[in-house]
Amino acid sequence: MIRFGVIGSGAIATQFVKEAMLNETIQIIGVVARNLEKTTVFAKEYEIETVYETVEEMLASTQIDAIYIASLHPTHALYSIMALESGKHVLCEKPCSLTPQQMLKIQEAAIKSGKLFMEAMTIGFHPLYQEMKAKIGDGIIGEITHIESHLGRMSLKEHKHFPNLAGGCIYDIGIYNIFFILDLLGPIQKTKTLGRKHRKWDVIGTVQVLAEHKNGAHSYSYMTMDSLSSGRAVIIGTKGTIEIEPSWSTPHKYTIKFPESEDLVYTYETSCWLGFEIAAFAKLIAQGKVESPMITWERSLEIQETIAQIYADLGIELPEEAILI
């Protein structure tokens, strides 16, 4: 049985607890968050045994094996390192870091601790995505030449609208686009980026990234948090094309189209959102692994390097107060 402590009590933490409770190998025994009163209510609702007043108190507990981090973005890297240094396995919500340097510090802490560290990236563990990726690996659409992905939604959560909390569409939404293109096309060598400020807030609201990958393929990523998007993704190969129905980040249907033969349609219906990555994380612990082959430390670093390049293209920097380590 893996005994989890949860940092955070917001929407993502709530969904994590709900789906983790369905996994027979996991027990949620502790929670800590900024508002003690609300956290106490949260713990009572989900029958969580202990409410901690501080993160340090939770990490000092010998009753906890692993930590799930779903707090504000700037705290992710700090809490990840603290948890690893306390001898806990760590599943950290994306973004697990805000800079490449932070990710390298996490990696160093993970190596020293010998504990599992994994950035939460739900799409990578979705059965339909894994099936599609396997078919691509088998050459069903030939060599990929281009990927196009659109992702966005209207964001009303206030904490996502402040620069000092690493708000904006890139870390909150665009990180999925970036994982997607890196996972299927590999490292990026050049980007061209267009972006604009949020219509109401002092953060980036919409970004478009055209990237050239080291393997010669191109990708186009559209990410937004102040308007809607089609939610579609298209993967173009030399033998065929894959179209993923909205929203591709939580896929339920994709179609493989060929020039001279019938389309192939694949579906997967589930209400599960975080459960697949939770199960994968638990399995890795049972196997004694310290790193996920789906979202490696190197991949998390590549994501941060890509985001850093996008920020450089746009001529903006994260506020110093957002970088806690």
C-alpha atoms as a PDB file:
ATOM      1  CA  MET A   1       0.000   0.000   0.000  1.00  0.00           C
ATOM      2  CA  ILE A   2       1.380   3.414  -1.003  1.00  0.00           C
ATOM      3  CA  ARG A   3       0.507   6.067   1.549  1.00  0.00           C
ATOM      4  CA  PHE A   4       0.064   9.475  -0.083  1.00  0.00           C
ATOM      5  CA  GLY A   5       0.204  12.978   1.284  1.00  0.00           C
ATOM      6  CA  VAL A   6      -1.395  15.664  -0.888  1.00  0.00           C
ATOM      7  CA  ILE A   7      -0.178  19.261  -1.133  1.00  0.00           C
ATOM      8  CA  GLY A   8      -3.120  21.355  -2.305  1.00  0.00           C
ATOM      9  CA  SER A   9      -6.881  21.137  -2.026  1.00  0.00           C
ATOM     10  CA  GLY A  10      -8.075  22.764  -5.247  1.00  0.00           C
ATOM     11  CA  ALA A  11      -9.789  21.277  -8.286  1.00  0.00           C
ATOM     12  CA  ILE A  12      -6.851  19.158  -9.472  1.00  0.00           C
ATOM     13  CA  ALA A  13      -6.092  17.870  -5.976  1.00  0.00           C
ATOM     14  CA  THR A  14      -9.760  16.990  -5.568  1.00  0.00           C
ATOM     15  CA  GLN A  15      -9.787  15.000  -8.800  1.00  0.00           C
ATOM     16  CA  PHE A  16      -6.564  13.274  -7.798  1.00  0.00           C
ATOM     17  CA  VAL A  17      -8.013  12.184  -4.462  1.00  0.00           C
ATOM     18  CA  LYS A  18     -11.225  10.941  -6.088  1.00  0.00           C
ATOM     19  CA  GLU A  19      -9.392   8.802  -8.638  1.00  0.00           C
ATOM     20  CA  ALA A  20      -6.600   7.675  -6.307  1.00  0.00           C
ATOM     21  CA  MET A  21      -9.248   6.336  -3.922  1.00  0.00           C
ATOM     22  CA  LEU A  22     -10.315   3.951  -6.701  1.00  0.00           C
ATOM     23  CA  ASN A  23      -6.823   2.424  -6.793  1.00  0.00           C
ATOM     24  CA  GLU A  24      -6.489  -0.458  -4.342  1.00  0.00           C
ATOM     25  CA  THR A  25      -2.744   0.083  -3.951  1.00  0.00           C
ATOM     26  CA  ILE A  26      -3.087   3.680  -2.742  1.00  0.00           C
ATOM     27  CA  GLN A  27      -4.236   5.282   0.490  1.00  0.00           C
ATOM     28  CA  ILE A  28      -4.589   9.050   0.968  1.00  0.00           C
ATOM     29  CA  ILE A  29      -3.701   9.719   4.585  1.00  0.00           C
ATOM     30  CA  GLY A  30      -2.703  13.388   4.742  1.00  0.00           C
ATOM     31  CA  VAL A  31      -3.289  16.798   3.172  1.00  0.00           C
ATOM     32  CA  VAL A  32      -1.881  20.287   3.558  1.00  0.00           C
ATOM     33  CA  ALA A  33      -2.900  23.508   1.815  1.00  0.00           C
ATOM     34  CA  ARG A  34      -2.819  27.274   2.306  1.00  0.00           C
ATOM     35  CA  ASN A  35      -6.217  27.653   3.980  1.00  0.00           C
ATOM     36  CA  LEU A  36      -6.401  25.417   7.056  1.00  0.00           C
ATOM     37  CA  GLU A  37     -10.152  25.795   7.484  1.00  0.00           C
ATOM     38  CA  LYS A  38     -10.937  24.836   3.890  1.00  0.00           C
ATOM     39  CA  THR A  39      -8.398  22.032   4.020  1.00  0.00           C
ATOM     40  CA  THR A  40     -10.063  20.601   7.117  1.00  0.00           C
ATOM     41  CA  VAL A  41     -13.403  20.564   5.292  1.00  0.00           C
ATOM     42  CA  PHE A  42     -11.706  18.932   2.301  1.00  0.00           C
ATOM     43  CA  ALA A  43     -10.166  16.225   4.505  1.00  0.00           C
ATOM     44  CA  LYS A  44     -13.475  15.490   6.189  1.00  0.00           C
ATOM     45  CA  GLU A  45     -15.292  15.173   2.863  1.00  0.00           C
ATOM     46  CA  TYR A  46     -12.810  12.611   1.535  1.00  0.00           C
ATOM     47  CA  GLU A  47     -12.112  10.916   4.877  1.00  0.00           C
ATOM     48  CA  ILE A  48      -8.448  11.888   4.909  1.00  0.00           C
ATOM     49  CA  GLU A  49      -6.961  11.049   8.276  1.00  0.00           C
ATOM     50  CA  THR A  50      -4.571  13.948   8.915  1.00  0.00           C
ATOM     51  CA  VAL A  51      -4.573  17.663   8.117  1.00  0.00           C
ATOM     52  CA  TYR A  52      -1.093  19.135   8.386  1.00  0.00           C
ATOM     53  CA  GLU A  53      -0.525  22.794   9.153  1.00  0.00           C
ATOM     54  CA  THR A  54       2.717  23.028   7.164  1.00  0.00           C
ATOM     55  CA  VAL A  55       4.403  21.232   4.303  1.00  0.00           C
ATOM     56  CA  GLU A  56       7.417  20.634   6.535  1.00  0.00           C
ATOM     57  CA  GLU A  57       5.217  18.844   9.069  1.00  0.00           C
ATOM     58  CA  MET A  58       3.820  16.557   6.371  1.00  0.00           C
ATOM     59  CA  LEU A  59       7.244  15.756   4.953  1.00  0.00           C
ATOM     60  CA  ALA A  60       8.549  14.859   8.405  1.00  0.00           C
ATOM     61  CA  SER A  61       5.876  12.188   8.820  1.00  0.00           C
ATOM     62  CA  THR A  62       7.055   8.586   8.699  1.00  0.00           C
ATOM     63  CA  GLN A  63       3.497   7.560   7.794  1.00  0.00           C
ATOM     64  CA  ILE A  64       3.779   8.963   4.272  1.00  0.00           C
ATOM     65  CA  ASP A  65       5.525   7.241   1.354  1.00  0.00           C
ATOM     66  CA  ALA A  66       4.716   9.570  -1.540  1.00  0.00           C
ATOM     67  CA  ILE A  67       3.690  13.167  -2.141  1.00  0.00           C
ATOM     68  CA  TYR A  68       1.322  14.537  -4.771  1.00  0.00           C
ATOM     69  CA  ILE A  69       1.939  18.234  -5.438  1.00  0.00           C
ATOM     70  CA  ALA A  70      -0.952  20.336  -6.747  1.00  0.00           C
ATOM     71  CA  SER A  71      -0.168  23.719  -5.222  1.00  0.00           C
ATOM     72  CA  LEU A  72       0.557  27.022  -6.997  1.00  0.00           C
ATOM     73  CA  HIS A  73       3.042  26.799  -9.885  1.00  0.00           C
ATOM     74  CA  PRO A  74       5.974  28.625  -8.230  1.00  0.00           C
ATOM     75  CA  THR A  75       6.003  26.120  -5.352  1.00  0.00           C
ATOM     76  CA  HIS A  76       6.221  22.973  -7.476  1.00  0.00           C
ATOM     77  CA  ALA A  77       9.996  22.726  -7.821  1.00  0.00           C
ATOM     78  CA  LEU A  78      10.613  23.782  -4.222  1.00  0.00           C
ATOM     79  CA  TYR A  79       8.184  21.246  -2.760  1.00  0.00           C
ATOM     80  CA  SER A  80       9.442  18.523  -5.110  1.00  0.00           C
ATOM     81  CA  ILE A  81      13.001  18.962  -3.889  1.00  0.00           C
ATOM     82  CA  MET A  82      11.914  19.194  -0.250  1.00  0.00           C
ATOM     83  CA  ALA A  83       9.887  15.988  -0.603  1.00  0.00           C
ATOM     84  CA  LEU A  84      12.688  14.082  -2.324  1.00  0.00           C
ATOM     85  CA  GLU A  85      15.163  15.205   0.328  1.00  0.00           C
ATOM     86  CA  SER A  86      12.683  13.906   2.923  1.00  0.00           C
ATOM     87  CA  GLY A  87      12.782  10.467   1.321  1.00  0.00           C
ATOM     88  CA  LYS A  88       9.376  10.628  -0.382  1.00  0.00           C
ATOM     89  CA  HIS A  89       8.393   9.614  -3.890  1.00  0.00           C
ATOM     90  CA  VAL A  90       7.000  12.600  -5.807  1.00  0.00           C
ATOM     91  CA  LEU A  91       4.228  12.980  -8.366  1.00  0.00           C
ATOM     92  CA  CYS A  92       4.188  16.680  -9.232  1.00  0.00           C
ATOM     93  CA  GLU A  93       1.557  18.430 -11.296  1.00  0.00           C
ATOM     94  CA  LYS A  94       2.758  20.167 -14.423  1.00  0.00           C
ATOM     95  CA  PRO A  95       4.689  22.339 -14.627  1.00  0.00           C
ATOM     96  CA  CYS A  96       7.039  20.603 -12.205  1.00  0.00           C
ATOM     97  CA  SER A  97       9.439  23.502 -12.674  1.00  0.00           C
ATOM     98  CA  LEU A  98       9.461  26.976 -14.197  1.00  0.00           C
ATOM     99  CA  THR A  99      13.002  26.985 -15.597  1.00  0.00           C
ATOM    100  CA  PRO A 100      15.500  24.447 -16.935  1.00  0.00           C
ATOM    101  CA  GLN A 101      17.701  25.192 -13.932  1.00  0.00           C
ATOM    102  CA  GLN A 102      14.926  24.208 -11.528  1.00  0.00           C
ATOM    103  CA  MET A 103      14.398  20.931 -13.367  1.00  0.00           C
ATOM    104  CA  LEU A 104      18.108  20.123 -13.104  1.00  0.00           C
ATOM    105  CA  LYS A 105      17.925  20.733  -9.348  1.00  0.00           C
ATOM    106  CA  ILE A 106      14.950  18.365  -9.095  1.00  0.00           C
ATOM    107  CA  GLN A 107      16.841  15.737 -11.068  1.00  0.00           C
ATOM    108  CA  GLU A 108      19.841  16.074  -8.752  1.00  0.00           C
ATOM    109  CA  ALA A 109      17.600  15.670  -5.692  1.00  0.00           C
ATOM    110  CA  ALA A 110      15.914  12.622  -7.232  1.00  0.00           C
ATOM    111  CA  ILE A 111      19.250  10.957  -7.964  1.00  0.00           C
ATOM    112  CA  LYS A 112      20.492  11.582  -4.421  1.00  0.00           C
ATOM    113  CA  SER A 113      17.267  10.339  -2.808  1.00  0.00           C
ATOM    114  CA  GLY A 114      16.813   7.242  -4.946  1.00  0.00           C
ATOM    115  CA  LYS A 115      13.079   7.958  -4.951  1.00  0.00           C
ATOM    116  CA  LEU A 116      10.692   8.147  -7.894  1.00  0.00           C
ATOM    117  CA  PHE A 117      10.069  11.591  -9.350  1.00  0.00           C
ATOM    118  CA  MET A 118       7.506  12.077 -12.114  1.00  0.00           C
ATOM    119  CA  GLU A 119       5.886  15.122 -13.652  1.00  0.00           C
ATOM    120  CA  ALA A 120       2.151  14.568 -14.059  1.00  0.00           C
ATOM    121  CA  MET A 121       1.272  14.602 -17.766  1.00  0.00           C
ATOM    122  CA  THR A 122      -2.102  12.944 -18.187  1.00  0.00           C
ATOM    123  CA  ILE A 123      -2.185  12.585 -21.966  1.00  0.00           C
ATOM    124  CA  GLY A 124       0.961  10.464 -22.022  1.00  0.00           C
ATOM    125  CA  PHE A 125      -0.711   7.752 -19.943  1.00  0.00           C
ATOM    126  CA  HIS A 126      -4.090   7.729 -21.695  1.00  0.00           C
ATOM    127  CA  PRO A 127      -4.705   4.305 -23.314  1.00  0.00           C
ATOM    128  CA  LEU A 128      -5.940   5.825 -26.576  1.00  0.00           C
ATOM    129  CA  TYR A 129      -2.870   8.033 -26.877  1.00  0.00           C
ATOM    130  CA  GLN A 130      -0.574   5.106 -26.122  1.00  0.00           C
ATOM    131  CA  GLU A 131      -2.362   2.975 -28.723  1.00  0.00           C
ATOM    132  CA  MET A 132      -2.037   5.745 -31.310  1.00  0.00           C
ATOM    133  CA  LYS A 133       1.636   6.269 -30.498  1.00  0.00           C
ATOM    134  CA  ALA A 134       2.300   2.540 -30.907  1.00  0.00           C
ATOM    135  CA  LYS A 135       0.658   2.566 -34.346  1.00  0.00           C
ATOM    136  CA  ILE A 136       2.790   5.547 -35.330  1.00  0.00           C
ATOM    137  CA  GLY A 137       5.857   3.638 -34.151  1.00  0.00           C
ATOM    138  CA  ASP A 138       4.805   0.708 -36.330  1.00  0.00           C
ATOM    139  CA  GLY A 139       4.836   3.058 -39.333  1.00  0.00           C
ATOM    140  CA  ILE A 140       1.119   3.182 -40.077  1.00  0.00           C
ATOM    141  CA  ILE A 141       1.318   6.776 -41.386  1.00  0.00           C
ATOM    142  CA  GLY A 142       4.962   6.625 -42.432  1.00  0.00           C
ATOM    143  CA  GLU A 143       7.360   9.318 -41.278  1.00  0.00           C
ATOM    144  CA  ILE A 144       5.765  12.260 -39.485  1.00  0.00           C
ATOM    145  CA  THR A 145       6.408  15.520 -41.327  1.00  0.00           C
ATOM    146  CA  HIS A 146       4.129  17.918 -39.447  1.00  0.00           C
ATOM    147  CA  ILE A 147       1.963  18.151 -36.329  1.00  0.00           C
ATOM    148  CA  GLU A 148      -0.667  20.783 -35.635  1.00  0.00           C
ATOM    149  CA  SER A 149      -2.357  21.118 -32.248  1.00  0.00           C
ATOM    150  CA  HIS A 150      -4.909  23.594 -30.898  1.00  0.00           C
ATOM    151  CA  LEU A 151      -5.708  23.782 -27.210  1.00  0.00           C
ATOM    152  CA  GLY A 152      -7.444  26.382 -25.088  1.00  0.00           C
ATOM    153  CA  ARG A 153     -10.276  27.413 -22.864  1.00  0.00           C
ATOM    154  CA  MET A 154     -11.554  30.455 -21.042  1.00  0.00           C
ATOM    155  CA  SER A 155      -9.708  30.628 -17.724  1.00  0.00           C
ATOM    156  CA  LEU A 156     -11.632  32.188 -14.847  1.00  0.00           C
ATOM    157  CA  LYS A 157      -9.381  31.038 -12.002  1.00  0.00           C
ATOM    158  CA  GLU A 158      -7.798  34.132 -10.537  1.00  0.00           C
ATOM    159  CA  HIS A 159      -4.436  32.629  -9.583  1.00  0.00           C
ATOM    160  CA  LYS A 160      -3.764  31.874 -13.247  1.00  0.00           C
ATOM    161  CA  HIS A 161      -3.913  35.561 -14.114  1.00  0.00           C
ATOM    162  CA  PHE A 162      -0.907  36.864 -12.179  1.00  0.00           C
ATOM    163  CA  PRO A 163       2.695  36.968 -13.477  1.00  0.00           C
ATOM    164  CA  ASN A 164       4.201  36.310 -10.033  1.00  0.00           C
ATOM    165  CA  LEU A 165       2.267  33.014  -9.922  1.00  0.00           C
ATOM    166  CA  ALA A 166       3.530  31.996 -13.382  1.00  0.00           C
ATOM    167  CA  GLY A 167       0.096  32.612 -14.829  1.00  0.00           C
ATOM    168  CA  GLY A 168      -0.745  32.701 -18.509  1.00  0.00           C
ATOM    169  CA  CYS A 169      -1.485  30.159 -21.190  1.00  0.00           C
ATOM    170  CA  ILE A 170       1.988  28.658 -21.630  1.00  0.00           C
ATOM    171  CA  TYR A 171       2.481  26.924 -18.279  1.00  0.00           C
ATOM    172  CA  ASP A 172      -1.197  26.201 -17.718  1.00  0.00           C
ATOM    173  CA  ILE A 173      -2.239  24.944 -21.155  1.00  0.00           C
ATOM    174  CA  GLY A 174       0.576  25.133 -23.684  1.00  0.00           C
ATOM    175  CA  ILE A 175       2.719  22.690 -21.752  1.00  0.00           C
ATOM    176  CA  TYR A 176       0.456  19.943 -23.157  1.00  0.00           C
ATOM    177  CA  ASN A 177       1.133  21.112 -26.725  1.00  0.00           C
ATOM    178  CA  ILE A 178       4.851  21.137 -25.980  1.00  0.00           C
ATOM    179  CA  PHE A 179       4.849  17.636 -24.480  1.00  0.00           C
ATOM    180  CA  PHE A 180       2.842  16.388 -27.466  1.00  0.00           C
ATOM    181  CA  ILE A 181       5.252  17.616 -30.137  1.00  0.00           C
ATOM    182  CA  LEU A 182       8.360  16.614 -28.185  1.00  0.00           C
ATOM    183  CA  ASP A 183       6.972  13.146 -27.511  1.00  0.00           C
ATOM    184  CA  LEU A 184       6.220  12.485 -31.175  1.00  0.00           C
ATOM    185  CA  LEU A 185       8.895  14.529 -32.957  1.00  0.00           C
ATOM    186  CA  GLY A 186      11.731  14.883 -30.479  1.00  0.00           C
ATOM    187  CA  PRO A 187      13.861  17.929 -29.631  1.00  0.00           C
ATOM    188  CA  ILE A 188      13.327  21.337 -31.199  1.00  0.00           C
ATOM    189  CA  GLN A 189      16.125  23.294 -32.836  1.00  0.00           C
ATOM    190  CA  LYS A 190      14.339  26.495 -33.883  1.00  0.00           C
ATOM    191  CA  THR A 191      11.095  28.318 -33.054  1.00  0.00           C
ATOM    192  CA  LYS A 192       9.109  31.264 -34.344  1.00  0.00           C
ATOM    193  CA  THR A 193       6.590  32.580 -31.853  1.00  0.00           C
ATOM    194  CA  LEU A 194       3.676  34.998 -31.891  1.00  0.00           C
ATOM    195  CA  GLY A 195       1.852  35.941 -28.714  1.00  0.00           C
ATOM    196  CA  ARG A 196      -0.380  38.544 -27.170  1.00  0.00           C
ATOM    197  CA  LYS A 197      -1.343  39.612 -23.706  1.00  0.00           C
ATOM    198  CA  HIS A 198      -4.515  38.364 -22.057  1.00  0.00           C
ATOM    199  CA  ARG A 199      -7.452  40.629 -22.837  1.00  0.00           C
ATOM    200  CA  LYS A 200      -7.933  41.467 -19.152  1.00  0.00           C
ATOM    201  CA  TRP A 201      -4.817  40.380 -17.253  1.00  0.00           C
ATOM    202  CA  ASP A 202      -1.089  41.109 -17.390  1.00  0.00           C
ATOM    203  CA  VAL A 203      -0.103  37.644 -18.597  1.00  0.00           C
ATOM    204  CA  ILE A 204       0.232  35.976 -21.987  1.00  0.00           C
ATOM    205  CA  GLY A 205      -3.244  35.041 -23.199  1.00  0.00           C
ATOM    206  CA  THR A 206      -2.556  33.401 -26.564  1.00  0.00           C
ATOM    207  CA  VAL A 207       0.577  31.981 -28.160  1.00  0.00           C
ATOM    208  CA  GLN A 208       1.311  30.408 -31.534  1.00  0.00           C
ATOM    209  CA  VAL A 209       4.554  28.481 -31.966  1.00  0.00           C
ATOM    210  CA  LEU A 210       5.994  27.232 -35.244  1.00  0.00           C
ATOM    211  CA  ALA A 211       8.859  24.851 -34.530  1.00  0.00           C
ATOM    212  CA  GLU A 212      11.476  23.060 -36.570  1.00  0.00           C
ATOM    213  CA  HIS A 213      12.555  19.817 -34.946  1.00  0.00           C
ATOM    214  CA  LYS A 214      16.007  18.269 -35.152  1.00  0.00           C
ATOM    215  CA  ASN A 215      14.620  15.410 -37.247  1.00  0.00           C
ATOM    216  CA  GLY A 216      13.480  17.911 -39.897  1.00  0.00           C
ATOM    217  CA  ALA A 217       9.757  17.798 -39.089  1.00  0.00           C
ATOM    218  CA  HIS A 218       7.717  20.902 -38.331  1.00  0.00           C
ATOM    219  CA  SER A 219       5.010  21.571 -35.755  1.00  0.00           C
ATOM    220  CA  TYR A 220       2.465  24.292 -35.097  1.00  0.00           C
ATOM    221  CA  SER A 221       1.058  24.786 -31.596  1.00  0.00           C
ATOM    222  CA  TYR A 222      -1.812  27.109 -30.682  1.00  0.00           C
ATOM    223  CA  MET A 223      -2.460  27.706 -26.987  1.00  0.00           C
ATOM    224  CA  THR A 224      -4.916  30.124 -25.404  1.00  0.00           C
ATOM    225  CA  MET A 225      -6.612  30.918 -22.105  1.00  0.00           C
ATOM    226  CA  ASP A 226      -8.760  33.906 -23.064  1.00  0.00           C
ATOM    227  CA  SER A 227     -10.671  32.365 -25.961  1.00  0.00           C
ATOM    228  CA  LEU A 228     -11.796  28.980 -27.213  1.00  0.00           C
ATOM    229  CA  SER A 229      -9.978  26.763 -29.667  1.00  0.00           C
ATOM    230  CA  SER A 230     -10.959  23.875 -31.916  1.00  0.00           C
ATOM    231  CA  GLY A 231      -9.270  21.396 -29.558  1.00  0.00           C
ATOM    232  CA  ARG A 232      -8.160  19.351 -32.534  1.00  0.00           C
ATOM    233  CA  ALA A 233      -4.789  17.877 -33.417  1.00  0.00           C
ATOM    234  CA  VAL A 234      -3.519  16.596 -36.753  1.00  0.00           C
ATOM    235  CA  ILE A 235      -0.478  14.398 -37.303  1.00  0.00           C
ATOM    236  CA  ILE A 236       0.653  14.346 -40.939  1.00  0.00           C
ATOM    237  CA  GLY A 237       2.827  11.541 -42.229  1.00  0.00           C
ATOM    238  CA  THR A 238       4.238  10.411 -45.558  1.00  0.00           C
ATOM    239  CA  LYS A 239       1.647   7.606 -45.847  1.00  0.00           C
ATOM    240  CA  GLY A 240      -1.372   8.984 -44.006  1.00  0.00           C
ATOM    241  CA  THR A 241      -2.817  11.431 -41.516  1.00  0.00           C
ATOM    242  CA  ILE A 242      -4.169  11.100 -37.984  1.00  0.00           C
ATOM    243  CA  GLU A 243      -6.906  13.434 -36.795  1.00  0.00           C
ATOM    244  CA  ILE A 244      -7.635  13.507 -33.047  1.00  0.00           C
ATOM    245  CA  GLU A 245     -11.100  14.692 -32.087  1.00  0.00           C
ATOM    246  CA  PRO A 246     -11.542  17.469 -29.483  1.00  0.00           C
ATOM    247  CA  SER A 247     -10.074  17.665 -27.059  1.00  0.00           C
ATOM    248  CA  TRP A 248      -6.917  15.882 -28.092  1.00  0.00           C
ATOM    249  CA  SER A 249      -5.414  16.359 -24.601  1.00  0.00           C
ATOM    250  CA  THR A 250      -8.155  14.090 -23.205  1.00  0.00           C
ATOM    251  CA  PRO A 251      -8.667  11.939 -26.291  1.00  0.00           C
ATOM    252  CA  HIS A 252     -11.702   9.780 -26.986  1.00  0.00           C
ATOM    253  CA  LYS A 253     -11.467   9.310 -30.761  1.00  0.00           C
ATOM    254  CA  TYR A 254      -8.900   9.473 -33.530  1.00  0.00           C
ATOM    255  CA  THR A 255      -9.128   8.705 -37.229  1.00  0.00           C
ATOM    256  CA  ILE A 256      -6.338   7.491 -39.492  1.00  0.00           C
ATOM    257  CA  LYS A 257      -6.829   8.661 -43.076  1.00  0.00           C
ATOM    258  CA  PHE A 258      -5.067   7.257 -46.115  1.00  0.00           C
ATOM    259  CA  PRO A 259      -4.957   8.600 -49.700  1.00  0.00           C
ATOM    260  CA  GLU A 260      -6.411   5.492 -51.343  1.00  0.00           C
ATOM    261  CA  SER A 261      -8.033   3.341 -48.662  1.00  0.00           C
ATOM    262  CA  GLU A 262     -10.753   3.541 -46.040  1.00  0.00           C
ATOM    263  CA  ASP A 263     -10.359   5.494 -42.840  1.00  0.00           C
ATOM    264  CA  LEU A 264      -9.581   3.657 -39.610  1.00  0.00           C
ATOM    265  CA  VAL A 265     -11.445   4.934 -36.553  1.00  0.00           C
ATOM    266  CA  TYR A 266     -10.429   4.204 -32.952  1.00  0.00           C
ATOM    267  CA  THR A 267     -12.320   5.195 -29.818  1.00  0.00           C
ATOM    268  CA  TYR A 268     -11.958   4.908 -26.060  1.00  0.00           C
ATOM    269  CA  GLU A 269     -14.626   6.152 -23.684  1.00  0.00           C
ATOM    270  CA  THR A 270     -13.742   6.722 -20.046  1.00  0.00           C
ATOM    271  CA  SER A 271     -14.548   9.087 -17.210  1.00  0.00           C
ATOM    272  CA  CYS A 272     -11.031   8.550 -15.884  1.00  0.00           C
ATOM    273  CA  TRP A 273      -8.800  11.613 -16.054  1.00  0.00           C
ATOM    274  CA  LEU A 274      -5.862  11.225 -13.678  1.00  0.00           C
ATOM    275  CA  GLY A 275      -6.301   7.555 -12.882  1.00  0.00           C
ATOM    276  CA  PHE A 276      -4.056   6.229 -15.657  1.00  0.00           C
ATOM    277  CA  GLU A 277      -1.033   8.253 -14.561  1.00  0.00           C
ATOM    278  CA  ILE A 278      -1.764   7.439 -10.906  1.00  0.00           C
ATOM    279  CA  ALA A 279      -1.723   3.718 -11.721  1.00  0.00           C
ATOM    280  CA  ALA A 280       1.489   4.113 -13.720  1.00  0.00           C
ATOM    281  CA  PHE A 281       3.135   5.990 -10.838  1.00  0.00           C
ATOM    282  CA  ALA A 282       2.144   3.297  -8.335  1.00  0.00           C
ATOM    283  CA  LYS A 283       3.456   0.568 -10.649  1.00  0.00           C
ATOM    284  CA  LEU A 284       6.806   2.339 -11.005  1.00  0.00           C
ATOM    285  CA  ILE A 285       7.155   2.504  -7.215  1.00  0.00           C
ATOM    286  CA  ALA A 286       6.370  -1.216  -6.954  1.00  0.00           C
ATOM    287  CA  GLN A 287       9.052  -1.908  -9.573  1.00  0.00           C
ATOM    288  CA  GLY A 288      11.631   0.157  -7.703  1.00  0.00           C
ATOM    289  CA  LYS A 289      11.972   2.673 -10.539  1.00  0.00           C
ATOM    290  CA  VAL A 290      13.058   6.282  -9.994  1.00  0.00           C
ATOM    291  CA  GLU A 291      12.015   7.629 -13.397  1.00  0.00           C
ATOM    292  CA  SER A 292       9.088   7.185 -15.777  1.00  0.00           C
ATOM    293  CA  PRO A 293       9.873   6.064 -19.337  1.00  0.00           C
ATOM    294  CA  MET A 294       6.828   8.027 -20.521  1.00  0.00           C
ATOM    295  CA  ILE A 295       7.792  11.377 -19.003  1.00  0.00           C
ATOM    296  CA  THR A 296      11.506  11.138 -18.332  1.00  0.00           C
ATOM    297  CA  TRP A 297      13.518  13.753 -16.469  1.00  0.00           C
ATOM    298  CA  GLU A 298      15.121  14.621 -19.805  1.00  0.00           C
ATOM    299  CA  ARG A 299      11.684  15.189 -21.338  1.00  0.00           C
ATOM    300  CA  SER A 300      10.662  17.456 -18.452  1.00  0.00           C
ATOM    301  CA  LEU A 301      13.908  19.372 -19.012  1.00  0.00           C
ATOM    302  CA  GLU A 302      13.226  19.655 -22.761  1.00  0.00           C
ATOM    303  CA  ILE A 303       9.784  21.051 -21.976  1.00  0.00           C
ATOM    304  CA  GLN A 304      11.320  23.774 -19.813  1.00  0.00           C
ATOM    305  CA  GLU A 305      13.986  24.538 -22.408  1.00  0.00           C
ATOM    306  CA  THR A 306      11.252  24.944 -25.024  1.00  0.00           C
ATOM    307  CA  ILE A 307       9.211  27.226 -22.770  1.00  0.00           C
ATOM    308  CA  ALA A 308      12.340  29.293 -22.088  1.00  0.00           C
ATOM    309  CA  GLN A 309      12.833  29.673 -25.846  1.00  0.00           C
ATOM    310  CA  ILE A 310       9.200  30.731 -26.306  1.00  0.00           C
ATOM    311  CA  TYR A 311       9.567  33.344 -23.566  1.00  0.00           C
ATOM    312  CA  ALA A 312      12.774  34.579 -25.233  1.00  0.00           C
ATOM    313  CA  ASP A 313      11.003  34.792 -28.608  1.00  0.00           C
ATOM    314  CA  LEU A 314       8.318  36.934 -26.969  1.00  0.00           C
ATOM    315  CA  GLY A 315      10.875  39.082 -25.168  1.00  0.00           C
ATOM    316  CA  ILE A 316       9.418  38.467 -21.715  1.00  0.00           C
ATOM    317  CA  GLU A 317      10.726  37.039 -18.457  1.00  0.00           C
ATOM    318  CA  LEU A 318       9.122  35.487 -15.419  1.00  0.00           C
ATOM    319  CA  PRO A 319       9.074  37.849 -12.425  1.00  0.00           C
ATOM    320  CA  GLU A 320      11.835  37.112  -9.927  1.00  0.00           C
ATOM    321  CA  GLU A 321       9.256  36.456  -7.197  1.00  0.00           C
ATOM    322  CA  ALA A 322       7.920  33.488  -9.210  1.00  0.00           C
ATOM    323  CA  ILE A 323      11.302  31.738  -9.008  1.00  0.00           C
ATOM    324  CA  LEU A 324      11.528  30.406  -5.449  1.00  0.00           C
ATOM    325  CA  ILE A 325      14.696  28.342  -5.963  1.00  0.00           C
END
